[in-house]
């Protein structure tokens, strides 16, 4: 198991580097001049050139990327072009909001999707299965921002329970933090829950037709015990595998949901950076997002090795 985890840790490093390299390359194609962004339109050409030399944009591409990657590995994501603010600090101030919503969405998706998927799988071909499958198919087509708007209009505004815009950090009050992320998490996790429900249902149907399940039933073992100890354990393997991919989607969706609930997350910061041509913030966001997704992937891979007995010999 240890060897398997180490191999997966090493395999994630190239993915993070590749994501940053592609983003860095694409940003080089833009015509944004950092000197004009920082100094404005009224500075002298000498001042412009001095600033470009200072931040190293006159160096060859590979030199710029190598320097940036080396600094990023130590946690230094550079300085914003719009002011003397460190990108890492700006991202850190907003990171908890976006990741709170992403993990909240993943929790909602995993909980609702798994429960519905099991209910449909154990009643395959019946009315319950038909209703849940139809609902899951419809749920996957619902845009996150549209679900968020509906929740604001029909839940947050009419009832004084969940806030429509006020975000509370976990360091201020854990209870208020959980309340503040409930509606955004539901909005974010709806489509993902539908996807997990469909996959859980398919996995359960497949596992329930395995010979060892039929054998266990034939010798008189409790159906409940077989379903929730044996079948669920084996059916959860593909579901856990897909959760890492869903987290990346949820992280991107959180940026949009933040705008609906007016939460001060990475979404508003990156949108403002794009509008102002502040490319270091955009690049820093992509790097942090790639690292975050990689860490979640690693966590789920470890979970996979625990669930699947075939990996324990590695």
Protein backbone atom coordinates (compact mmCIF):
# COMPACT_ATOMS: atom_id res chain seq x y z
CA UNK A 1 0.00 0.00 0.00
CA UNK A 2 2.82 2.41 0.88
CA UNK A 3 4.50 1.80 -2.45
CA UNK A 4 1.22 2.38 -4.31
CA UNK A 5 0.67 5.71 -2.53
CA UNK A 6 4.26 6.85 -3.24
CA UNK A 7 3.89 6.03 -6.92
CA UNK A 8 0.70 8.07 -7.10
CA UNK A 9 2.30 11.00 -5.28
CA UNK A 10 5.13 11.07 -7.82
CA UNK A 11 2.68 10.73 -10.74
CA UNK A 12 0.72 13.81 -9.61
CA UNK A 13 3.74 16.13 -9.79
CA UNK A 14 3.95 16.13 -13.63
CA UNK A 15 0.22 16.90 -13.81
CA UNK A 16 0.63 20.03 -11.68
CA UNK A 17 3.66 21.12 -13.72
CA UNK A 18 1.83 20.49 -17.00
CA UNK A 19 -1.20 22.52 -15.90
CA UNK A 20 1.00 25.46 -14.88
CA UNK A 21 3.09 25.23 -18.07
CA UNK A 22 0.04 25.28 -20.36
CA UNK A 23 -1.46 28.22 -18.47
CA UNK A 24 1.85 30.09 -18.45
CA UNK A 25 2.19 29.50 -22.20
CA UNK A 26 -1.32 30.72 -22.96
CA UNK A 27 -0.85 33.84 -20.85
CA UNK A 28 2.25 34.68 -22.89
CA UNK A 29 0.04 34.94 -25.96
CA UNK A 30 -1.94 37.84 -24.51
CA UNK A 31 -1.03 41.38 -25.43
CA UNK A 32 -1.25 42.66 -21.86
CA UNK A 33 1.72 44.86 -20.97
CA UNK A 34 2.49 44.58 -17.24
CA UNK A 35 4.26 47.93 -17.29
CA UNK A 36 1.11 49.72 -18.47
CA UNK A 37 -1.04 47.74 -16.02
CA UNK A 38 1.14 48.80 -13.09
CA UNK A 39 2.28 52.30 -14.12
CA UNK A 40 -0.69 53.47 -16.16
CA UNK A 41 -0.70 55.29 -19.50
CA UNK A 42 1.18 58.40 -18.42
CA UNK A 43 4.59 56.95 -17.47
CA UNK A 44 7.70 57.43 -19.58
CA UNK A 45 9.10 54.75 -21.87
CA UNK A 46 12.15 54.53 -19.61
CA UNK A 47 9.92 53.79 -16.62
CA UNK A 48 8.06 51.14 -18.60
CA UNK A 49 11.27 49.43 -19.67
CA UNK A 50 12.74 49.58 -16.16
CA UNK A 51 9.65 47.87 -14.74
CA UNK A 52 9.69 45.16 -17.44
CA UNK A 53 13.34 44.51 -16.65
CA UNK A 54 12.60 44.43 -12.94
CA UNK A 55 9.95 41.70 -13.21
CA UNK A 56 11.87 39.77 -15.86
CA UNK A 57 9.37 39.75 -18.74
CA UNK A 58 12.17 40.57 -21.18
CA UNK A 59 13.83 37.22 -20.46
CA UNK A 60 13.27 34.19 -22.74
CA UNK A 61 10.07 32.25 -22.13
CA UNK A 62 11.71 29.18 -20.66
CA UNK A 63 13.75 31.33 -18.26
CA UNK A 64 10.61 33.11 -17.08
CA UNK A 65 8.73 29.85 -16.57
CA UNK A 66 11.64 28.15 -14.81
CA UNK A 67 12.02 31.09 -12.42
CA UNK A 68 8.28 31.20 -11.74
CA UNK A 69 8.04 27.43 -11.16
CA UNK A 70 11.02 27.46 -8.80
CA UNK A 71 9.46 30.26 -6.78
CA UNK A 72 6.03 28.58 -6.85
CA UNK A 73 7.54 25.40 -5.39
CA UNK A 74 8.51 27.45 -2.32
CA UNK A 75 5.10 29.10 -2.07
CA UNK A 76 6.08 32.37 -3.81
CA UNK A 77 3.61 33.01 -6.64
CA UNK A 78 5.00 36.42 -7.47
CA UNK A 79 3.60 39.90 -7.15
CA UNK A 80 0.37 41.32 -8.52
CA UNK A 81 0.83 43.65 -11.49
CA UNK A 82 -1.78 46.01 -10.06
CA UNK A 83 0.05 46.74 -6.84
CA UNK A 84 2.73 45.62 -4.41
CA UNK A 85 0.66 42.67 -3.18
CA UNK A 86 1.90 39.11 -3.07
CA UNK A 87 -0.28 36.78 -5.15
CA UNK A 88 0.02 34.00 -2.56
CA UNK A 89 -1.37 36.29 0.13
CA UNK A 90 -4.25 37.48 -2.06
CA UNK A 91 -5.18 33.89 -2.88
CA UNK A 92 -4.83 32.80 0.74
CA UNK A 93 -7.35 35.45 1.83
CA UNK A 94 -9.97 34.03 -0.56
CA UNK A 95 -9.00 30.36 -0.58
CA UNK A 96 -11.08 29.26 2.40
CA UNK A 97 -14.31 30.48 0.78
CA UNK A 98 -13.85 28.64 -2.51
CA UNK A 99 -12.57 25.43 -0.97
CA UNK A 100 -15.35 25.50 1.65
CA UNK A 101 -17.91 25.55 -1.15
CA UNK A 102 -16.09 22.89 -3.19
CA UNK A 103 -15.83 20.47 -0.27
CA UNK A 104 -19.39 21.30 0.77
CA UNK A 105 -20.58 20.52 -2.74
CA UNK A 106 -18.63 17.27 -2.73
CA UNK A 107 -20.18 16.28 0.61
CA UNK A 108 -23.69 17.03 -0.67
CA UNK A 109 -23.03 15.17 -3.91
CA UNK A 110 -21.52 12.12 -2.22
CA UNK A 111 -24.23 11.88 0.46
CA UNK A 112 -27.30 12.41 -1.72
CA UNK A 113 -25.87 10.60 -4.74
CA UNK A 114 -24.86 7.51 -2.78
CA UNK A 115 -28.18 7.21 -0.94
CA UNK A 116 -30.24 7.61 -4.13
CA UNK A 117 -27.94 5.32 -6.08
CA UNK A 118 -28.26 2.53 -3.50
CA UNK A 119 -32.03 2.96 -3.35
CA UNK A 120 -32.25 2.66 -7.14
CA UNK A 121 -29.74 -0.20 -7.35
CA UNK A 122 -31.44 -2.50 -4.83
CA UNK A 123 -34.80 -1.87 -6.53
CA UNK A 124 -33.57 -2.09 -10.13
CA UNK A 125 -36.42 -2.26 -12.62
CA UNK A 126 -39.05 -1.06 -10.15
CA UNK A 127 -40.87 2.26 -9.88
CA UNK A 128 -38.35 3.63 -7.35
CA UNK A 129 -35.50 2.92 -9.75
CA UNK A 130 -37.33 4.59 -12.63
CA UNK A 131 -38.11 7.74 -10.66
CA UNK A 132 -34.58 8.11 -9.24
CA UNK A 133 -32.94 7.47 -12.62
CA UNK A 134 -35.17 10.05 -14.29
CA UNK A 135 -34.49 12.57 -11.54
CA UNK A 136 -30.73 11.95 -11.82
CA UNK A 137 -30.81 12.45 -15.58
CA UNK A 138 -32.65 15.75 -15.10
CA UNK A 139 -30.37 16.81 -12.26
CA UNK A 140 -27.24 16.49 -14.37
CA UNK A 141 -28.67 19.03 -16.81
CA UNK A 142 -29.26 21.72 -14.17
CA UNK A 143 -26.66 24.54 -14.23
CA UNK A 144 -25.18 25.30 -10.81
CA UNK A 145 -25.84 29.02 -11.03
CA UNK A 146 -29.51 28.46 -11.95
CA UNK A 147 -30.02 26.18 -8.94
CA UNK A 148 -28.30 28.82 -6.82
CA UNK A 149 -30.63 31.55 -8.08
CA UNK A 150 -33.67 29.40 -7.29
CA UNK A 151 -32.39 28.71 -3.77
CA UNK A 152 -31.83 32.41 -3.16
CA UNK A 153 -35.27 33.33 -4.50
CA UNK A 154 -37.34 30.61 -2.86
CA UNK A 155 -35.39 29.69 0.28
CA UNK A 156 -32.94 32.38 1.40
CA UNK A 157 -35.11 35.46 0.81
CA UNK A 158 -38.52 34.20 2.05
CA UNK A 159 -37.16 32.43 5.13
CA UNK A 160 -34.72 33.90 7.61
CA UNK A 161 -32.69 30.72 8.05
CA UNK A 162 -29.98 30.65 5.41
CA UNK A 163 -28.27 33.87 4.30
CA UNK A 164 -28.43 34.93 0.65
CA UNK A 165 -25.11 36.77 0.60
CA UNK A 166 -23.45 36.84 4.04
CA UNK A 167 -20.47 34.49 4.33
CA UNK A 168 -19.10 33.64 7.77
CA UNK A 169 -15.64 32.12 8.10
CA UNK A 170 -15.06 28.96 10.18
CA UNK A 171 -12.72 30.87 12.50
CA UNK A 172 -15.56 33.23 13.44
CA UNK A 173 -18.26 30.64 14.13
CA UNK A 174 -18.37 27.05 12.95
CA UNK A 175 -22.17 26.96 13.24
CA UNK A 176 -22.67 30.16 11.21
CA UNK A 177 -20.08 28.96 8.69
CA UNK A 178 -21.98 25.73 8.10
CA UNK A 179 -25.24 27.67 7.74
CA UNK A 180 -23.68 30.14 5.30
CA UNK A 181 -22.32 27.45 2.96
CA UNK A 182 -25.41 25.20 3.02
CA UNK A 183 -27.30 26.72 0.08
CA UNK A 184 -24.21 27.27 -2.11
CA UNK A 185 -23.11 23.69 -1.42
CA UNK A 186 -26.52 22.35 -2.45
CA UNK A 187 -26.44 24.46 -5.61
CA UNK A 188 -22.95 23.23 -6.38
CA UNK A 189 -23.54 19.58 -5.55
CA UNK A 190 -26.86 18.98 -7.33
CA UNK A 191 -25.50 17.98 -10.73
CA UNK A 192 -22.62 16.05 -9.15
CA UNK A 193 -25.08 14.18 -6.90
CA UNK A 194 -27.02 13.13 -9.99
CA UNK A 195 -23.83 11.81 -11.59
CA UNK A 196 -22.84 9.87 -8.45
CA UNK A 197 -26.36 8.46 -8.11
CA UNK A 198 -26.26 7.06 -11.65
CA UNK A 199 -22.82 5.57 -11.12
CA UNK A 200 -23.67 4.11 -7.71
CA UNK A 201 -26.84 2.58 -9.12
CA UNK A 202 -24.93 0.95 -11.99
CA UNK A 203 -22.21 -0.34 -9.66
CA UNK A 204 -24.78 -1.77 -7.22
CA UNK A 205 -26.70 -3.55 -9.95
CA UNK A 206 -23.48 -5.09 -11.26
CA UNK A 207 -22.28 -6.20 -7.81
CA UNK A 208 -25.64 -7.70 -6.83
CA UNK A 209 -25.41 -10.03 -9.82
CA UNK A 210 -21.98 -11.34 -8.79
CA UNK A 211 -21.84 -15.08 -7.91
CA UNK A 212 -20.57 -14.47 -4.37
CA UNK A 213 -23.63 -12.35 -3.57
CA UNK A 214 -25.99 -15.06 -4.78
CA UNK A 215 -24.03 -17.62 -2.79
CA UNK A 216 -24.24 -15.53 0.38
CA UNK A 217 -27.99 -15.20 -0.06
CA UNK A 218 -28.41 -18.90 -0.69
CA UNK A 219 -26.71 -19.89 2.56
CA UNK A 220 -29.08 -17.73 4.57
CA UNK A 221 -27.01 -14.64 5.35
CA UNK A 222 -28.95 -11.48 6.16
CA UNK A 223 -29.84 -9.47 3.06
CA UNK A 224 -29.18 -6.22 4.94
CA UNK A 225 -25.74 -7.46 5.99
CA UNK A 226 -24.88 -8.49 2.43
CA UNK A 227 -26.07 -5.19 0.99
CA UNK A 228 -24.33 -2.83 3.38
CA UNK A 229 -21.21 -4.78 4.30
CA UNK A 230 -20.27 -6.63 1.14
CA UNK A 231 -22.10 -5.09 -1.82
CA UNK A 232 -21.68 -1.48 -0.72
CA UNK A 233 -17.95 -1.93 -0.09
CA UNK A 234 -17.34 -3.32 -3.58
CA UNK A 235 -19.77 -0.98 -5.35
CA UNK A 236 -18.11 2.07 -3.78
CA UNK A 237 -14.80 1.50 -5.58
CA UNK A 238 -15.76 3.13 -8.93
CA UNK A 239 -17.68 5.84 -7.09
CA UNK A 240 -14.63 6.85 -5.05
CA UNK A 241 -12.55 6.85 -8.21
CA UNK A 242 -14.88 9.31 -9.94
CA UNK A 243 -15.03 11.66 -6.94
CA UNK A 244 -11.59 13.14 -7.73
CA UNK A 245 -12.73 14.18 -11.20
CA UNK A 246 -15.90 15.64 -9.72
CA UNK A 247 -13.91 17.72 -7.24
CA UNK A 248 -12.10 19.49 -10.06
CA UNK A 249 -15.47 20.26 -11.64
CA UNK A 250 -16.86 21.45 -8.31
CA UNK A 251 -13.87 23.71 -7.75
CA UNK A 252 -14.50 25.40 -11.07
CA UNK A 253 -18.24 25.57 -10.39
CA UNK A 254 -17.61 27.18 -7.01
CA UNK A 255 -16.17 30.18 -8.80
CA UNK A 256 -19.54 30.68 -10.55
CA UNK A 257 -21.71 29.93 -7.51
CA UNK A 258 -19.74 32.53 -5.53
CA UNK A 259 -20.99 35.19 -7.92
CA UNK A 260 -24.64 34.17 -7.30
CA UNK A 261 -24.27 34.42 -3.52
CA UNK A 262 -21.81 37.36 -3.67
CA UNK A 263 -19.23 35.47 -1.61
CA UNK A 264 -15.67 36.87 -1.44
CA UNK A 265 -13.92 33.82 -2.90
CA UNK A 266 -11.36 33.21 -5.61
CA UNK A 267 -14.00 33.72 -8.30
CA UNK A 268 -14.39 37.46 -7.78
CA UNK A 269 -10.62 37.85 -7.36
CA UNK A 270 -9.81 36.03 -10.61
CA UNK A 271 -12.60 37.80 -12.53
CA UNK A 272 -11.26 41.15 -11.40
CA UNK A 273 -7.72 40.05 -12.31
CA UNK A 274 -8.84 39.06 -15.82
CA UNK A 275 -10.60 42.39 -16.31
CA UNK A 276 -7.51 44.28 -15.13
CA UNK A 277 -5.02 42.13 -17.03
CA UNK A 278 -3.38 40.93 -13.80
CA UNK A 279 -1.96 37.71 -15.19
CA UNK A 280 0.11 36.62 -12.14
CA UNK A 281 -3.12 36.23 -10.13
CA UNK A 282 -4.72 34.14 -12.89
CA UNK A 283 -1.64 31.92 -13.12
CA UNK A 284 -1.46 31.62 -9.33
CA UNK A 285 -5.11 30.57 -9.18
CA UNK A 286 -4.59 27.83 -11.78
CA UNK A 287 -1.54 26.55 -9.91
CA UNK A 288 -3.31 26.49 -6.54
CA UNK A 289 -6.37 24.82 -8.09
CA UNK A 290 -4.18 22.17 -9.74
CA UNK A 291 -2.40 21.46 -6.45
CA UNK A 292 -5.74 21.30 -4.62
CA UNK A 293 -7.21 18.84 -7.12
CA UNK A 294 -4.02 16.77 -6.99
CA UNK A 295 -4.17 16.56 -3.19
CA UNK A 296 -7.82 15.49 -3.29
CA UNK A 297 -6.94 12.93 -5.95
CA UNK A 298 -4.19 11.60 -3.67
CA UNK A 299 -6.58 11.39 -0.70
CA UNK A 300 -9.13 9.49 -2.75
CA UNK A 301 -6.42 7.22 -4.13
CA UNK A 302 -5.43 6.34 -0.57
CA UNK A 303 -9.09 5.69 0.23
CA UNK A 304 -9.25 3.49 -2.86
CA UNK A 305 -6.32 1.40 -1.66
CA UNK A 306 -8.09 0.88 1.66
CA UNK A 307 -11.39 -0.09 0.08
CA UNK A 308 -10.02 -2.33 -2.67
CA UNK A 309 -8.21 -5.33 -1.17
CA UNK A 310 -6.42 -6.00 -4.46
CA UNK A 311 -4.17 -2.96 -3.90
CA UNK A 312 -2.96 -3.97 -0.45
CA UNK A 313 -0.31 -6.30 -1.75
CA UNK A 314 1.45 -3.43 -3.52
